[in-house]
Amino acid sequence: MSAKLKLLPAEQYKGVNQYDPIKYYYWPVFGRMYRRRVELALEQCSGGERVLEVGFGTGLAFPNLHDNYTEIHGIDLTADIDAVKSVFEPMNIPLFLKKGDVLNMPYEDNFFDTVLLVSILEHLKPLELEQAFVEVRRVLKPGGQMVYGTPVEKPFMVFMFRMLGHDIRDEHFSTEEEIAAAAHRIFSKGHVTGMKSTPPIAGTVYTVGNFIK
C-alpha cells in the first residue's frame, strides 16, 4: 500500500470533537511521528474487497485505503457520519459508515479482508481486549488480516502526552504488551513491528500488529 499518508488541508476535516488529534499531524517533529505511525499501519494492509476501520475519526486513512480496497467500511462511537462523508464522497470515495463499538460489531461473519484499528485498542480495559479480538476475528474472512497500531507506554510517551495537555492515565487503559498478548491468544498467526521515535533517542514509541485469521 502507498506509504505516504494522503493528508488533506487541515480545515477540510469535519465531524469530530475537539479531542480528535488531527491537528497534531501538521505540527513540526510531532507531526512527522503522528503521520509515520499511520503510514506503518497502512503499509501492512494487503488490499482486497472490503476494509473496516474501527474508530475512523476524521477519516484520515480513507484516501490511502481507497487505493487498495473496493469498499471502505467504518465504525466510530462519536464521529458525525454525515459530516465525515461530506468530506470524502466528493472525492468519489464510497463509504459505508456506522455508529458502532468494536466489542459488538454490526457485521456478519467472514465479511472483511482487513480490519484496521489505529490508536484504538489502548483505550479498552485489559479485560475487554480478548472480546474485541474475538469480534474482529469473527467479521474477518478466512485468511483476512487484523492490522492495529498502538503507542508504547514509556516515559517519553507520558511526557509527550503532558506536552499536549493530556494525562495518559485518563485515556490509555491497556499497554502495548497486554494488547499483543491478547492478540496472540486469539489469532494463531501474527507479528508486531516497532516504530522508533524521531529522532530515535526514545527507542520504540509505537507498535503495529498484523494478525491473520
Protein backbone atom coordinates (compact mmCIF):
# COMPACT_ATOMS: atom_id res chain seq x y z
CA MET A 1 0.00 0.00 0.00
CA SER A 2 1.04 3.60 -0.60
CA ALA A 3 3.41 4.53 2.22
CA LYS A 4 2.85 8.29 2.26
CA LEU A 5 -0.23 9.48 4.14
CA LYS A 6 -2.51 11.47 1.83
CA LEU A 7 -3.29 14.36 4.17
CA LEU A 8 -5.93 16.89 3.20
CA PRO A 9 -5.65 20.56 4.24
CA ALA A 10 -6.41 20.59 7.99
CA GLU A 11 -9.52 22.74 7.67
CA GLN A 12 -11.21 20.21 5.34
CA TYR A 13 -11.69 17.53 8.02
CA LYS A 14 -15.12 17.53 9.67
CA GLY A 15 -17.26 15.55 12.05
CA VAL A 16 -15.13 15.11 15.17
CA ASN A 17 -14.89 16.86 18.51
CA GLN A 18 -12.07 19.00 19.86
CA TYR A 19 -10.33 15.95 21.34
CA ASP A 20 -9.51 14.45 17.95
CA PRO A 21 -5.72 14.53 17.35
CA ILE A 22 -5.95 15.70 13.72
CA LYS A 23 -4.17 18.99 14.48
CA TYR A 24 -1.08 17.14 15.69
CA TYR A 25 -0.46 15.67 12.23
CA TYR A 26 0.55 19.10 10.95
CA TRP A 27 2.98 20.03 13.75
CA PRO A 28 6.76 20.03 13.21
CA VAL A 29 8.52 16.92 14.65
CA PHE A 30 5.40 15.62 16.46
CA GLY A 31 3.52 15.70 13.16
CA ARG A 32 6.06 13.54 11.41
CA MET A 33 5.73 10.88 14.13
CA TYR A 34 1.92 11.02 14.04
CA ARG A 35 1.92 10.58 10.26
CA ARG A 36 4.53 7.80 10.32
CA ARG A 37 2.60 5.64 12.77
CA VAL A 38 -0.45 5.65 10.47
CA GLU A 39 1.76 5.00 7.45
CA LEU A 40 3.31 1.96 9.14
CA ALA A 41 -0.14 0.52 9.77
CA LEU A 42 -1.26 1.24 6.19
CA GLU A 43 1.87 -0.45 4.83
CA GLN A 44 0.71 -3.68 6.48
CA CYS A 45 -2.73 -3.58 4.82
CA SER A 46 -2.66 -6.02 1.91
CA GLY A 47 -5.72 -4.80 -0.04
CA GLY A 48 -8.86 -6.58 -1.16
CA GLU A 49 -12.59 -6.08 -1.49
CA ARG A 50 -13.65 -4.72 1.91
CA VAL A 51 -11.78 -2.98 4.71
CA LEU A 52 -13.24 -1.97 8.08
CA GLU A 53 -11.64 0.87 10.04
CA VAL A 54 -12.60 0.81 13.71
CA GLY A 55 -12.56 4.31 15.20
CA PHE A 56 -12.18 6.11 11.87
CA GLY A 57 -12.45 9.61 13.40
CA THR A 58 -11.81 12.21 10.70
CA GLY A 59 -11.36 9.53 8.03
CA LEU A 60 -7.66 10.34 7.83
CA ALA A 61 -6.78 6.95 6.28
CA PHE A 62 -9.67 6.82 3.77
CA PRO A 63 -7.80 8.22 0.70
CA ASN A 64 -4.99 5.68 1.16
CA LEU A 65 -7.41 2.80 1.81
CA HIS A 66 -9.37 3.76 -1.31
CA ASP A 67 -6.29 2.94 -3.41
CA ASN A 68 -6.38 -0.70 -2.36
CA TYR A 69 -9.94 -1.64 -1.36
CA THR A 70 -13.23 -1.57 -3.27
CA GLU A 71 -15.35 -0.71 -0.22
CA ILE A 72 -14.38 1.24 2.91
CA HIS A 73 -16.49 0.48 5.97
CA GLY A 74 -16.10 2.19 9.31
CA ILE A 75 -17.47 2.26 12.83
CA ASP A 76 -16.94 5.01 15.37
CA LEU A 77 -18.58 5.84 18.68
CA THR A 78 -18.59 9.64 18.36
CA ALA A 79 -17.89 10.82 14.78
CA ASP A 80 -20.59 12.69 12.87
CA ILE A 81 -21.07 10.27 9.97
CA ASP A 82 -22.77 12.70 7.59
CA ALA A 83 -20.08 15.33 8.15
CA VAL A 84 -17.26 12.84 7.52
CA LYS A 85 -18.97 11.55 4.38
CA SER A 86 -19.34 15.12 3.11
CA VAL A 87 -15.54 15.42 3.03
CA PHE A 88 -14.77 12.24 1.09
CA GLU A 89 -17.76 11.45 -1.12
CA PRO A 90 -17.00 14.41 -3.46
CA MET A 91 -13.61 12.68 -3.94
CA ASN A 92 -15.51 9.59 -5.22
CA ILE A 93 -14.56 7.54 -2.18
CA PRO A 94 -17.60 5.31 -1.42
CA LEU A 95 -18.08 4.95 2.32
CA PHE A 96 -20.20 2.64 4.48
CA LEU A 97 -20.05 4.21 7.95
CA LYS A 98 -21.94 3.36 11.14
CA LYS A 99 -22.01 4.26 14.79
CA GLY A 100 -20.58 1.21 16.50
CA ASP A 101 -18.40 -0.47 19.09
CA VAL A 102 -15.59 -2.95 18.48
CA LEU A 103 -16.92 -5.12 21.32
CA ASN A 104 -20.19 -5.83 19.46
CA MET A 105 -19.85 -5.07 15.77
CA PRO A 106 -22.89 -4.82 13.46
CA TYR A 107 -21.49 -7.06 10.69
CA GLU A 108 -21.97 -10.62 9.56
CA ASP A 109 -19.30 -13.30 9.93
CA ASN A 110 -16.47 -13.62 7.37
CA PHE A 111 -17.13 -10.21 5.77
CA PHE A 112 -13.88 -8.21 5.66
CA ASP A 113 -10.46 -8.70 4.08
CA THR A 114 -8.86 -6.30 6.60
CA VAL A 115 -9.86 -4.75 9.90
CA LEU A 116 -7.76 -1.69 10.78
CA LEU A 117 -7.52 -0.17 14.28
CA VAL A 118 -5.16 2.80 14.65
CA SER A 119 -4.64 4.01 18.24
CA ILE A 120 -7.89 2.41 19.43
CA LEU A 121 -7.05 -0.66 21.49
CA GLU A 122 -5.15 1.15 24.25
CA HIS A 123 -8.46 2.82 25.18
CA LEU A 124 -10.00 -0.57 26.07
CA LYS A 125 -9.68 -2.13 29.50
CA PRO A 126 -7.38 -5.20 29.56
CA LEU A 127 -10.36 -7.49 30.20
CA GLU A 128 -12.07 -6.17 27.04
CA LEU A 129 -9.18 -6.90 24.68
CA GLU A 130 -9.96 -10.57 24.07
CA GLN A 131 -13.63 -9.78 23.45
CA ALA A 132 -12.59 -7.15 20.89
CA PHE A 133 -10.24 -9.57 19.13
CA VAL A 134 -12.87 -12.33 19.06
CA GLU A 135 -15.24 -9.87 17.36
CA VAL A 136 -12.56 -8.78 14.87
CA ARG A 137 -11.75 -12.39 14.08
CA ARG A 138 -15.46 -13.18 13.60
CA VAL A 139 -16.00 -10.50 10.93
CA LEU A 140 -12.79 -11.30 9.04
CA LYS A 141 -12.82 -13.63 6.05
CA PRO A 142 -10.69 -16.78 6.40
CA GLY A 143 -7.15 -15.61 5.68
CA GLY A 144 -8.15 -12.00 6.40
CA GLN A 145 -5.96 -9.72 8.46
CA MET A 146 -6.26 -7.50 11.50
CA VAL A 147 -3.85 -4.57 11.49
CA TYR A 148 -3.54 -2.44 14.61
CA GLY A 149 -1.32 0.37 15.81
CA THR A 150 -0.83 1.30 19.45
CA PRO A 151 1.60 3.53 21.37
CA VAL A 152 4.33 2.16 23.58
CA GLU A 153 3.92 3.41 27.11
CA LYS A 154 7.22 4.69 28.42
CA PRO A 155 8.44 7.96 29.99
CA PHE A 156 8.79 9.63 26.59
CA MET A 157 5.17 8.85 25.68
CA VAL A 158 3.92 10.09 29.05
CA PHE A 159 5.97 13.27 28.52
CA MET A 160 4.52 13.72 25.01
CA PHE A 161 1.00 13.43 26.39
CA ARG A 162 1.79 16.03 29.08
CA MET A 163 3.19 18.38 26.43
CA LEU A 164 -0.10 18.07 24.56
CA GLY A 165 -2.13 18.74 27.71
CA HIS A 166 -3.26 15.18 28.47
CA ASP A 167 -2.81 12.72 31.34
CA ILE A 168 -2.12 9.33 29.72
CA ARG A 169 -3.86 7.53 32.60
CA ASP A 170 -7.15 9.24 31.77
CA GLU A 171 -7.12 7.85 28.24
CA HIS A 172 -4.99 4.69 27.99
CA PHE A 173 -6.04 1.60 29.95
CA SER A 174 -4.12 -1.19 28.18
CA THR A 175 -0.41 -1.32 27.37
CA GLU A 176 1.09 -2.46 24.07
CA GLU A 177 2.28 -5.65 25.81
CA GLU A 178 -1.22 -6.53 27.02
CA ILE A 179 -2.63 -5.83 23.55
CA ALA A 180 -0.06 -8.02 21.79
CA ALA A 181 -0.52 -10.86 24.30
CA ALA A 182 -4.31 -10.83 23.83
CA ALA A 183 -3.95 -10.75 20.03
CA HIS A 184 -1.64 -13.78 20.11
CA ARG A 185 -4.16 -15.66 22.26
CA ILE A 186 -6.99 -15.16 19.74
CA PHE A 187 -5.08 -15.30 16.44
CA SER A 188 -2.77 -18.20 15.62
CA LYS A 189 -0.56 -16.24 13.22
CA GLY A 190 0.78 -12.72 13.59
CA HIS A 191 3.66 -10.40 14.35
CA VAL A 192 4.28 -6.98 15.89
CA THR A 193 6.67 -4.35 14.47
CA GLY A 194 8.12 -1.42 16.42
CA MET A 195 8.47 2.21 15.33
CA LYS A 196 11.35 4.32 16.66
CA SER A 197 10.90 7.91 17.79
CA THR A 198 12.03 10.84 15.62
CA PRO A 199 14.85 11.49 16.44
CA PRO A 200 15.39 7.91 17.68
CA ILE A 201 16.53 8.89 21.19
CA ALA A 202 13.45 7.42 22.90
CA GLY A 203 13.59 3.99 21.26
CA THR A 204 10.36 2.29 20.20
CA VAL A 205 7.34 4.58 20.69
CA TYR A 206 4.69 2.78 18.61
CA THR A 207 3.89 -0.80 17.62
CA VAL A 208 1.99 -2.16 14.62
CA GLY A 209 0.45 -5.63 14.74
CA ASN A 210 -0.53 -7.75 11.73
CA PHE A 211 -2.55 -10.87 12.60
CA ILE A 212 -4.13 -13.40 10.21
CA LYS A 213 -7.35 -15.35 10.70
